[in-house]
């Protein structure tokens, strides 16, 4: 039988190894996946300006049914900078903007992030030229799952408040 000369040290080393296993913590990089309705989502995890691990950017495509006007569903996509600090493997990302409002809860587990996402956006009613009203479009709260593509962000994170936009015409 093997005896350890320093059992407390051996136990401490084993605990440190087990707790530092990469599968237990979120990793910096780009997580890509889909929401329950098949739209693409992407989150960039990096270090924010305070040296915290955070969701520093996102790209969200969504299908949002519209209320009131002639557009039945708005298909849109936005990319934006964020600063949602990750605490205990969780983060809440809120992206308020005059063109969209996106809320996502994120839970990291190894190389996967999952959670719920909901989007809201106005859409100029395409049934009138020129438009004289806007539709209010909202996707239901739905699950998403995304997987880490590669360690480290592929691109520098967008500063918080920066936005990009891809607009797909509504289907009538």
N, C-alpha and C. Protein backbone atom coordinates (compact mmCIF):
# COMPACT_ATOMS: atom_id res chain seq x y z
N UNK A 1 0.84 -1.17 0.00
CA UNK A 1 0.00 0.00 0.00
C UNK A 1 0.89 1.24 0.00
N UNK A 2 0.54 2.19 -0.82
CA UNK A 2 1.32 3.42 -0.93
C UNK A 2 0.81 4.40 0.09
N UNK A 3 1.74 5.00 0.80
CA UNK A 3 1.38 6.03 1.77
C UNK A 3 1.90 7.37 1.25
N UNK A 4 1.07 8.38 1.39
CA UNK A 4 1.51 9.71 1.02
C UNK A 4 2.19 10.34 2.21
N UNK A 5 3.32 10.94 1.92
CA UNK A 5 4.08 11.57 2.99
C UNK A 5 3.35 12.81 3.50
N UNK A 6 2.69 13.51 2.58
CA UNK A 6 1.97 14.73 2.95
C UNK A 6 0.52 14.61 2.46
N UNK A 7 -0.34 13.89 3.20
CA UNK A 7 -1.70 13.65 2.73
C UNK A 7 -2.50 14.94 2.50
N UNK A 8 -2.31 15.96 3.32
CA UNK A 8 -3.06 17.21 3.14
C UNK A 8 -2.66 17.88 1.84
N UNK A 9 -1.36 17.88 1.53
CA UNK A 9 -0.89 18.47 0.27
C UNK A 9 -1.44 17.69 -0.92
N UNK A 10 -1.43 16.37 -0.85
CA UNK A 10 -1.94 15.53 -1.94
C UNK A 10 -3.42 15.80 -2.17
N UNK A 11 -4.19 15.90 -1.10
CA UNK A 11 -5.61 16.18 -1.21
C UNK A 11 -5.84 17.57 -1.82
N UNK A 12 -5.06 18.55 -1.42
CA UNK A 12 -5.18 19.91 -1.95
C UNK A 12 -4.88 19.95 -3.44
N UNK A 13 -3.85 19.22 -3.87
CA UNK A 13 -3.50 19.18 -5.28
C UNK A 13 -4.63 18.53 -6.09
N UNK A 14 -5.19 17.43 -5.60
CA UNK A 14 -6.29 16.78 -6.29
C UNK A 14 -7.51 17.69 -6.40
N UNK A 15 -7.83 18.40 -5.35
CA UNK A 15 -8.96 19.33 -5.38
C UNK A 15 -8.71 20.45 -6.38
N UNK A 16 -7.51 20.99 -6.39
CA UNK A 16 -7.18 22.06 -7.33
C UNK A 16 -7.29 21.58 -8.76
N UNK A 17 -6.85 20.37 -9.03
CA UNK A 17 -6.93 19.82 -10.39
C UNK A 17 -8.38 19.62 -10.80
N UNK A 18 -9.19 19.10 -9.92
CA UNK A 18 -10.59 18.84 -10.24
C UNK A 18 -11.35 20.14 -10.48
N UNK A 19 -11.09 21.15 -9.68
CA UNK A 19 -11.81 22.41 -9.81
C UNK A 19 -11.33 23.26 -10.98
N UNK A 20 -10.15 22.99 -11.49
CA UNK A 20 -9.64 23.78 -12.60
C UNK A 20 -9.87 23.11 -13.95
N UNK A 21 -10.62 22.03 -13.98
CA UNK A 21 -10.91 21.33 -15.23
C UNK A 21 -11.68 22.26 -16.16
N UNK A 22 -11.28 22.38 -17.46
CA UNK A 22 -11.93 23.30 -18.37
C UNK A 22 -13.43 23.09 -18.53
N UNK A 23 -13.94 21.91 -18.38
CA UNK A 23 -15.36 21.66 -18.55
C UNK A 23 -16.24 22.33 -17.52
N UNK A 24 -15.69 22.83 -16.46
CA UNK A 24 -16.49 23.41 -15.39
C UNK A 24 -16.73 24.90 -15.55
N UNK A 25 -15.99 25.59 -16.41
CA UNK A 25 -16.12 27.04 -16.49
C UNK A 25 -16.32 27.48 -17.93
N UNK A 26 -16.97 28.64 -18.08
CA UNK A 26 -17.12 29.22 -19.40
C UNK A 26 -15.73 29.63 -19.91
N UNK A 27 -15.59 29.68 -21.23
CA UNK A 27 -14.32 29.98 -21.86
C UNK A 27 -14.52 31.15 -22.81
N UNK A 28 -13.51 32.03 -22.90
CA UNK A 28 -13.57 33.12 -23.85
C UNK A 28 -13.63 32.55 -25.26
N UNK A 29 -14.41 33.18 -26.11
CA UNK A 29 -14.55 32.74 -27.50
C UNK A 29 -15.92 33.08 -28.03
N UNK A 30 -16.24 32.54 -29.19
CA UNK A 30 -17.52 32.78 -29.82
C UNK A 30 -18.38 31.53 -29.74
N UNK A 31 -19.57 31.68 -29.19
CA UNK A 31 -20.53 30.59 -29.05
C UNK A 31 -21.61 30.80 -30.12
N UNK A 32 -21.82 29.82 -30.99
CA UNK A 32 -22.81 29.95 -32.06
C UNK A 32 -23.83 28.83 -31.97
N UNK A 33 -25.09 29.16 -32.29
CA UNK A 33 -26.14 28.15 -32.24
C UNK A 33 -27.44 28.68 -32.80
N UNK A 34 -28.54 28.12 -32.31
CA UNK A 34 -29.86 28.51 -32.79
C UNK A 34 -30.85 28.63 -31.64
N UNK A 35 -31.89 29.40 -31.90
CA UNK A 35 -33.00 29.50 -30.96
C UNK A 35 -34.03 28.42 -31.33
N UNK A 36 -35.03 28.26 -30.50
CA UNK A 36 -36.03 27.20 -30.71
C UNK A 36 -36.73 27.31 -32.07
N UNK A 37 -36.86 28.54 -32.60
CA UNK A 37 -37.53 28.69 -33.90
C UNK A 37 -36.56 28.60 -35.08
N UNK A 38 -35.31 28.20 -34.83
CA UNK A 38 -34.35 27.98 -35.91
C UNK A 38 -33.51 29.18 -36.31
N UNK A 39 -33.69 30.32 -35.65
CA UNK A 39 -32.91 31.51 -35.97
C UNK A 39 -31.51 31.39 -35.35
N UNK A 40 -30.51 32.01 -35.98
CA UNK A 40 -29.14 31.91 -35.48
C UNK A 40 -28.87 32.91 -34.36
N UNK A 41 -28.06 32.48 -33.40
CA UNK A 41 -27.60 33.33 -32.31
C UNK A 41 -26.09 33.13 -32.17
N UNK A 42 -25.40 34.18 -31.76
CA UNK A 42 -23.97 34.10 -31.54
C UNK A 42 -23.60 35.05 -30.42
N UNK A 43 -22.79 34.58 -29.49
CA UNK A 43 -22.36 35.38 -28.35
C UNK A 43 -20.83 35.35 -28.28
N UNK A 44 -20.22 36.52 -28.07
CA UNK A 44 -18.78 36.59 -27.89
C UNK A 44 -18.49 36.80 -26.42
N UNK A 45 -17.66 35.92 -25.85
CA UNK A 45 -17.26 36.03 -24.45
C UNK A 45 -15.80 36.47 -24.43
N UNK A 46 -15.52 37.48 -23.66
CA UNK A 46 -14.16 38.00 -23.51
C UNK A 46 -14.03 38.73 -22.19
N UNK A 47 -13.02 39.53 -22.08
CA UNK A 47 -12.78 40.30 -20.86
C UNK A 47 -13.27 41.72 -21.08
N UNK A 48 -14.09 42.22 -20.15
CA UNK A 48 -14.59 43.58 -20.29
C UNK A 48 -13.55 44.58 -19.78
N UNK A 49 -13.90 45.85 -19.77
CA UNK A 49 -12.95 46.91 -19.38
C UNK A 49 -12.53 46.84 -17.92
N UNK A 50 -13.27 46.10 -17.10
CA UNK A 50 -12.92 45.92 -15.68
C UNK A 50 -12.24 44.57 -15.44
N UNK A 51 -11.81 43.90 -16.50
CA UNK A 51 -11.13 42.60 -16.44
C UNK A 51 -12.04 41.47 -15.95
N UNK A 52 -13.34 41.63 -16.11
CA UNK A 52 -14.29 40.57 -15.78
C UNK A 52 -14.58 39.75 -17.03
N UNK A 53 -14.79 38.45 -16.87
CA UNK A 53 -15.25 37.63 -17.98
C UNK A 53 -16.71 38.02 -18.24
N UNK A 54 -17.02 38.36 -19.49
CA UNK A 54 -18.36 38.88 -19.80
C UNK A 54 -18.75 38.54 -21.23
N UNK A 55 -20.06 38.60 -21.48
CA UNK A 55 -20.55 38.56 -22.85
C UNK A 55 -20.28 39.96 -23.40
N UNK A 56 -19.37 40.08 -24.36
CA UNK A 56 -18.94 41.38 -24.86
C UNK A 56 -19.58 41.74 -26.19
N UNK A 57 -20.29 40.81 -26.79
CA UNK A 57 -20.98 41.10 -28.04
C UNK A 57 -21.93 39.99 -28.39
N UNK A 58 -22.87 40.29 -29.29
CA UNK A 58 -23.84 39.28 -29.72
C UNK A 58 -24.31 39.60 -31.12
N UNK A 59 -24.76 38.57 -31.79
CA UNK A 59 -25.41 38.69 -33.09
C UNK A 59 -26.65 37.82 -33.02
N UNK A 60 -27.80 38.45 -33.17
CA UNK A 60 -29.08 37.77 -32.96
C UNK A 60 -29.95 37.91 -34.20
N UNK A 61 -30.37 36.81 -34.78
CA UNK A 61 -31.39 36.81 -35.83
C UNK A 61 -32.69 36.42 -35.16
N UNK A 62 -33.80 37.01 -35.61
CA UNK A 62 -35.06 36.66 -34.99
C UNK A 62 -36.23 36.76 -35.96
N UNK A 63 -37.26 36.01 -35.65
CA UNK A 63 -38.54 36.07 -36.36
C UNK A 63 -39.56 36.53 -35.32
N UNK A 64 -40.11 37.72 -35.53
CA UNK A 64 -41.01 38.30 -34.55
C UNK A 64 -42.37 38.58 -35.18
N UNK A 65 -43.41 37.86 -34.76
CA UNK A 65 -44.75 38.13 -35.27
C UNK A 65 -45.16 39.56 -34.94
N UNK A 66 -45.80 40.24 -35.90
CA UNK A 66 -46.19 41.64 -35.73
C UNK A 66 -47.66 41.75 -35.39
N UNK A 67 -47.98 42.85 -34.71
CA UNK A 67 -49.35 43.10 -34.29
C UNK A 67 -49.83 44.41 -34.91
N UNK A 68 -50.99 44.41 -35.47
CA UNK A 68 -51.63 45.66 -35.86
C UNK A 68 -51.59 46.03 -37.32
N UNK A 69 -50.49 45.93 -37.99
CA UNK A 69 -50.39 46.39 -39.38
C UNK A 69 -50.54 45.27 -40.37
N UNK A 70 -49.86 45.42 -41.52
CA UNK A 70 -49.98 44.44 -42.59
C UNK A 70 -48.81 43.46 -42.63
N UNK A 71 -47.76 43.67 -41.83
CA UNK A 71 -46.62 42.75 -41.82
C UNK A 71 -46.90 41.62 -40.83
N UNK A 72 -47.01 40.37 -41.30
CA UNK A 72 -47.30 39.28 -40.37
C UNK A 72 -46.12 38.93 -39.48
N UNK A 73 -44.89 38.95 -40.01
CA UNK A 73 -43.70 38.59 -39.23
C UNK A 73 -42.51 39.40 -39.70
N UNK A 74 -41.76 39.93 -38.76
CA UNK A 74 -40.52 40.65 -39.05
C UNK A 74 -39.36 39.67 -38.90
N UNK A 75 -38.57 39.50 -39.94
CA UNK A 75 -37.34 38.71 -39.89
C UNK A 75 -36.20 39.71 -39.90
N UNK A 76 -35.41 39.72 -38.82
CA UNK A 76 -34.38 40.72 -38.70
C UNK A 76 -33.17 40.13 -37.99
N UNK A 77 -32.07 40.83 -38.05
CA UNK A 77 -30.86 40.41 -37.35
C UNK A 77 -30.06 41.61 -36.92
N UNK A 78 -29.52 41.56 -35.72
CA UNK A 78 -28.73 42.67 -35.17
C UNK A 78 -27.46 42.14 -34.54
N UNK A 79 -26.39 42.88 -34.69
CA UNK A 79 -25.15 42.62 -33.97
C UNK A 79 -24.87 43.83 -33.10
N UNK A 80 -24.37 43.62 -31.91
CA UNK A 80 -24.16 44.74 -31.00
C UNK A 80 -23.12 44.39 -29.94
N UNK A 81 -22.48 45.42 -29.41
CA UNK A 81 -21.57 45.26 -28.28
C UNK A 81 -22.38 45.14 -27.00
N UNK A 82 -21.84 44.43 -26.03
CA UNK A 82 -22.54 44.22 -24.76
C UNK A 82 -21.51 44.20 -23.64
N UNK A 83 -21.97 44.25 -22.42
CA UNK A 83 -21.12 44.09 -21.25
C UNK A 83 -21.94 43.39 -20.16
N UNK A 84 -22.22 42.10 -20.39
CA UNK A 84 -22.99 41.30 -19.44
C UNK A 84 -22.01 40.41 -18.68
N UNK A 85 -21.65 40.84 -17.48
CA UNK A 85 -20.67 40.13 -16.67
C UNK A 85 -21.19 38.74 -16.31
N UNK A 86 -20.32 37.74 -16.42
CA UNK A 86 -20.67 36.36 -16.10
C UNK A 86 -20.31 36.10 -14.64
N UNK A 87 -21.31 35.72 -13.86
CA UNK A 87 -21.13 35.43 -12.45
C UNK A 87 -21.73 34.06 -12.16
N UNK A 88 -20.96 33.19 -11.54
CA UNK A 88 -21.44 31.83 -11.23
C UNK A 88 -21.98 31.13 -12.48
N UNK A 89 -21.29 31.30 -13.60
CA UNK A 89 -21.62 30.65 -14.87
C UNK A 89 -22.91 31.17 -15.50
N UNK A 90 -23.41 32.34 -15.05
CA UNK A 90 -24.66 32.91 -15.57
C UNK A 90 -24.48 34.38 -15.91
N UNK A 91 -25.29 34.84 -16.87
CA UNK A 91 -25.32 36.26 -17.24
C UNK A 91 -26.71 36.60 -17.75
N UNK A 92 -27.05 37.87 -17.63
CA UNK A 92 -28.28 38.40 -18.22
C UNK A 92 -27.85 39.53 -19.15
N UNK A 93 -28.22 39.42 -20.41
CA UNK A 93 -27.85 40.43 -21.39
C UNK A 93 -29.12 41.15 -21.82
N UNK A 94 -29.13 42.48 -21.65
CA UNK A 94 -30.24 43.30 -22.11
C UNK A 94 -29.68 44.29 -23.12
N UNK A 95 -30.29 44.34 -24.29
CA UNK A 95 -29.86 45.24 -25.34
C UNK A 95 -31.01 46.16 -25.70
N UNK A 96 -31.10 47.33 -25.02
CA UNK A 96 -32.17 48.28 -25.35
C UNK A 96 -31.68 49.21 -26.46
N UNK A 97 -32.53 49.50 -27.41
CA UNK A 97 -32.17 50.35 -28.53
C UNK A 97 -33.46 50.89 -29.14
N UNK A 98 -33.44 52.04 -29.82
CA UNK A 98 -34.66 52.51 -30.47
C UNK A 98 -35.18 51.56 -31.56
N UNK A 99 -34.30 50.69 -32.10
CA UNK A 99 -34.69 49.79 -33.18
C UNK A 99 -35.00 48.38 -32.71
N UNK A 100 -34.60 48.02 -31.50
CA UNK A 100 -34.85 46.68 -30.99
C UNK A 100 -34.70 46.66 -29.47
N UNK A 101 -35.24 45.63 -28.86
CA UNK A 101 -35.06 45.38 -27.43
C UNK A 101 -34.90 43.87 -27.29
N UNK A 102 -33.72 43.44 -26.87
CA UNK A 102 -33.41 42.01 -26.79
C UNK A 102 -32.98 41.69 -25.36
N UNK A 103 -33.56 40.64 -24.80
CA UNK A 103 -33.18 40.17 -23.47
C UNK A 103 -32.85 38.69 -23.57
N UNK A 104 -31.71 38.31 -23.01
CA UNK A 104 -31.31 36.90 -23.00
C UNK A 104 -30.75 36.55 -21.63
N UNK A 105 -31.15 35.39 -21.11
CA UNK A 105 -30.53 34.84 -19.92
C UNK A 105 -29.62 33.72 -20.41
N UNK A 106 -28.39 33.70 -19.91
CA UNK A 106 -27.40 32.74 -20.38
C UNK A 106 -26.87 31.92 -19.22
N UNK A 107 -26.71 30.62 -19.46
CA UNK A 107 -26.12 29.72 -18.47
C UNK A 107 -25.04 28.92 -19.18
N UNK A 108 -23.81 29.03 -18.69
CA UNK A 108 -22.67 28.36 -19.29
C UNK A 108 -22.40 27.03 -18.60
N UNK A 109 -22.12 26.02 -19.41
CA UNK A 109 -21.77 24.70 -18.91
C UNK A 109 -20.75 24.10 -19.87
N UNK A 110 -19.49 24.10 -19.46
CA UNK A 110 -18.43 23.61 -20.34
C UNK A 110 -18.33 24.45 -21.59
N UNK A 111 -18.45 23.82 -22.75
CA UNK A 111 -18.33 24.55 -24.02
C UNK A 111 -19.69 24.91 -24.61
N UNK A 112 -20.73 24.92 -23.78
CA UNK A 112 -22.08 25.22 -24.24
C UNK A 112 -22.68 26.34 -23.41
N UNK A 113 -23.47 27.17 -24.06
CA UNK A 113 -24.28 28.16 -23.36
C UNK A 113 -25.72 27.94 -23.81
N UNK A 114 -26.64 28.01 -22.86
CA UNK A 114 -28.06 27.85 -23.17
C UNK A 114 -28.84 28.85 -22.35
N UNK A 115 -30.09 29.02 -22.70
CA UNK A 115 -30.92 29.96 -21.95
C UNK A 115 -32.18 30.30 -22.69
N UNK A 116 -32.71 31.49 -22.38
CA UNK A 116 -33.92 31.99 -23.01
C UNK A 116 -33.63 33.34 -23.66
N UNK A 117 -34.30 33.61 -24.78
CA UNK A 117 -34.13 34.88 -25.46
C UNK A 117 -35.49 35.39 -25.93
N UNK A 118 -35.66 36.71 -25.89
CA UNK A 118 -36.89 37.34 -26.36
C UNK A 118 -36.51 38.64 -27.07
N UNK A 119 -37.17 38.93 -28.19
CA UNK A 119 -36.88 40.14 -28.95
C UNK A 119 -38.15 40.92 -29.23
N UNK A 120 -37.99 42.24 -29.31
CA UNK A 120 -39.08 43.15 -29.68
C UNK A 120 -38.51 44.17 -30.65
N UNK A 121 -39.30 44.55 -31.65
CA UNK A 121 -38.83 45.55 -32.62
C UNK A 121 -40.02 46.21 -33.31
N UNK A 122 -39.89 47.49 -33.64
CA UNK A 122 -40.91 48.13 -34.46
C UNK A 122 -40.61 47.85 -35.93
N UNK A 123 -41.63 47.95 -36.77
CA UNK A 123 -41.43 47.73 -38.21
C UNK A 123 -42.37 48.67 -38.95
N UNK A 124 -41.82 49.51 -39.83
CA UNK A 124 -42.66 50.40 -40.61
C UNK A 124 -43.59 49.56 -41.47
N UNK A 125 -44.87 49.83 -41.36
CA UNK A 125 -45.89 49.04 -42.05
C UNK A 125 -45.65 49.06 -43.56
N UNK A 126 -45.32 47.89 -44.15
CA UNK A 126 -45.03 47.85 -45.58
C UNK A 126 -46.27 47.94 -46.46
N UNK A 127 -47.45 47.94 -45.86
CA UNK A 127 -48.69 47.98 -46.62
C UNK A 127 -49.06 49.38 -47.09
N UNK A 128 -48.34 50.38 -46.64
CA UNK A 128 -48.62 51.77 -47.02
C UNK A 128 -47.36 52.40 -47.57
N UNK A 129 -47.47 53.09 -48.71
CA UNK A 129 -46.32 53.78 -49.30
C UNK A 129 -46.67 55.24 -49.45
N UNK A 130 -46.00 56.15 -48.78
CA UNK A 130 -45.00 55.88 -47.75
C UNK A 130 -45.68 55.38 -46.47
N UNK A 131 -44.90 54.69 -45.63
CA UNK A 131 -45.49 54.17 -44.38
C UNK A 131 -46.06 55.29 -43.53
N UNK A 132 -47.21 55.06 -42.93
CA UNK A 132 -47.80 56.05 -42.03
C UNK A 132 -48.09 55.46 -40.66
N UNK A 133 -47.60 54.24 -40.42
CA UNK A 133 -47.73 53.61 -39.11
C UNK A 133 -46.64 52.55 -38.95
N UNK A 134 -46.41 52.14 -37.74
CA UNK A 134 -45.42 51.10 -37.46
C UNK A 134 -46.11 49.93 -36.77
N UNK A 135 -45.67 48.74 -37.10
CA UNK A 135 -46.14 47.54 -36.43
C UNK A 135 -45.23 47.27 -35.23
N UNK A 136 -45.77 46.64 -34.21
CA UNK A 136 -44.98 46.22 -33.06
C UNK A 136 -44.82 44.71 -33.18
N UNK A 137 -43.56 44.25 -33.26
CA UNK A 137 -43.28 42.83 -33.49
C UNK A 137 -42.53 42.26 -32.29
N UNK A 138 -42.96 41.08 -31.84
CA UNK A 138 -42.37 40.48 -30.65
C UNK A 138 -42.25 38.96 -30.81
N UNK A 139 -41.03 38.47 -30.58
CA UNK A 139 -40.86 37.01 -30.60
C UNK A 139 -41.20 36.48 -29.22
N UNK A 140 -41.72 35.27 -29.15
CA UNK A 140 -41.99 34.70 -27.83
C UNK A 140 -40.68 34.38 -27.12
N UNK A 141 -40.71 34.35 -25.82
CA UNK A 141 -39.54 33.90 -25.07
C UNK A 141 -39.29 32.44 -25.45
N UNK A 142 -38.06 32.14 -25.85
CA UNK A 142 -37.77 30.80 -26.33
C UNK A 142 -36.37 30.38 -25.96
N UNK A 143 -36.17 29.07 -25.93
CA UNK A 143 -34.87 28.50 -25.58
C UNK A 143 -33.89 28.67 -26.73
N UNK A 144 -32.59 28.72 -26.38
CA UNK A 144 -31.52 28.68 -27.37
C UNK A 144 -30.38 27.85 -26.80
N UNK A 145 -29.55 27.35 -27.68
CA UNK A 145 -28.33 26.64 -27.30
C UNK A 145 -27.24 27.04 -28.29
N UNK A 146 -26.04 27.29 -27.76
CA UNK A 146 -24.90 27.65 -28.61
C UNK A 146 -23.65 26.94 -28.08
N UNK A 147 -22.74 26.63 -28.99
CA UNK A 147 -21.53 25.89 -28.65
C UNK A 147 -20.30 26.72 -28.99
N UNK A 148 -19.28 26.59 -28.17
CA UNK A 148 -18.03 27.32 -28.36
C UNK A 148 -17.38 26.89 -29.66
N UNK A 149 -17.07 27.87 -30.53
CA UNK A 149 -16.43 27.59 -31.81
C UNK A 149 -14.94 27.33 -31.65
N UNK A 150 -14.26 28.25 -30.99
CA UNK A 150 -12.81 28.13 -30.79
C UNK A 150 -12.43 29.01 -29.61
N UNK A 151 -11.39 28.64 -28.91
CA UNK A 151 -10.94 29.44 -27.77
C UNK A 151 -10.48 30.80 -28.26
N UNK A 152 -10.87 31.84 -27.55
CA UNK A 152 -10.48 33.20 -27.90
C UNK A 152 -11.42 33.80 -28.92
N UNK A 153 -11.76 35.08 -28.76
CA UNK A 153 -12.64 35.74 -29.71
C UNK A 153 -12.03 35.75 -31.11
N UNK A 154 -12.85 35.53 -32.14
CA UNK A 154 -12.39 35.56 -33.52
C UNK A 154 -12.11 36.99 -33.97
N UNK A 155 -12.91 37.92 -33.47
CA UNK A 155 -12.77 39.32 -33.83
C UNK A 155 -12.73 40.12 -32.54
N UNK A 156 -12.14 41.33 -32.60
CA UNK A 156 -12.21 42.16 -31.41
C UNK A 156 -13.66 42.44 -31.06
N UNK A 157 -13.96 42.50 -29.79
CA UNK A 157 -15.32 42.75 -29.36
C UNK A 157 -15.74 44.16 -29.77
N UNK A 158 -17.01 44.32 -30.14
CA UNK A 158 -17.53 45.64 -30.43
C UNK A 158 -17.70 46.39 -29.12
N UNK A 159 -17.40 47.67 -29.08
CA UNK A 159 -17.63 48.43 -27.84
C UNK A 159 -19.11 48.42 -27.50
N UNK A 160 -19.42 48.40 -26.21
CA UNK A 160 -20.81 48.43 -25.78
C UNK A 160 -21.50 49.62 -26.43
N UNK A 161 -22.69 49.41 -26.96
CA UNK A 161 -23.43 50.48 -27.63
C UNK A 161 -23.28 50.47 -29.14
N UNK A 162 -22.29 49.75 -29.68
CA UNK A 162 -22.10 49.66 -31.13
C UNK A 162 -23.12 48.69 -31.70
N UNK A 163 -23.67 49.00 -32.88
CA UNK A 163 -24.68 48.14 -33.47
C UNK A 163 -24.39 47.90 -34.94
N UNK A 164 -24.77 46.73 -35.44
CA UNK A 164 -24.82 46.45 -36.87
C UNK A 164 -26.20 45.89 -37.14
N UNK A 165 -26.63 45.90 -38.38
CA UNK A 165 -28.00 45.48 -38.67
C UNK A 165 -28.07 44.77 -40.01
N UNK A 166 -28.84 43.69 -40.05
CA UNK A 166 -29.19 43.00 -41.28
C UNK A 166 -30.70 42.93 -41.30
N UNK A 167 -31.32 43.45 -42.33
CA UNK A 167 -32.78 43.46 -42.42
C UNK A 167 -33.22 42.54 -43.54
N UNK A 168 -34.12 41.65 -43.26
CA UNK A 168 -34.70 40.77 -44.27
C UNK A 168 -36.16 41.19 -44.42
N UNK A 169 -36.64 41.40 -45.64
CA UNK A 169 -38.02 41.85 -45.82
C UNK A 169 -39.02 40.87 -45.19
N UNK A 170 -40.11 41.42 -44.71
CA UNK A 170 -41.17 40.60 -44.13
C UNK A 170 -41.81 39.75 -45.22
N UNK A 171 -42.21 38.56 -44.85
CA UNK A 171 -42.91 37.70 -45.80
C UNK A 171 -44.40 37.98 -45.69
N UNK A 172 -45.04 38.18 -46.82
CA UNK A 172 -46.48 38.48 -46.82
C UNK A 172 -47.24 37.30 -47.35
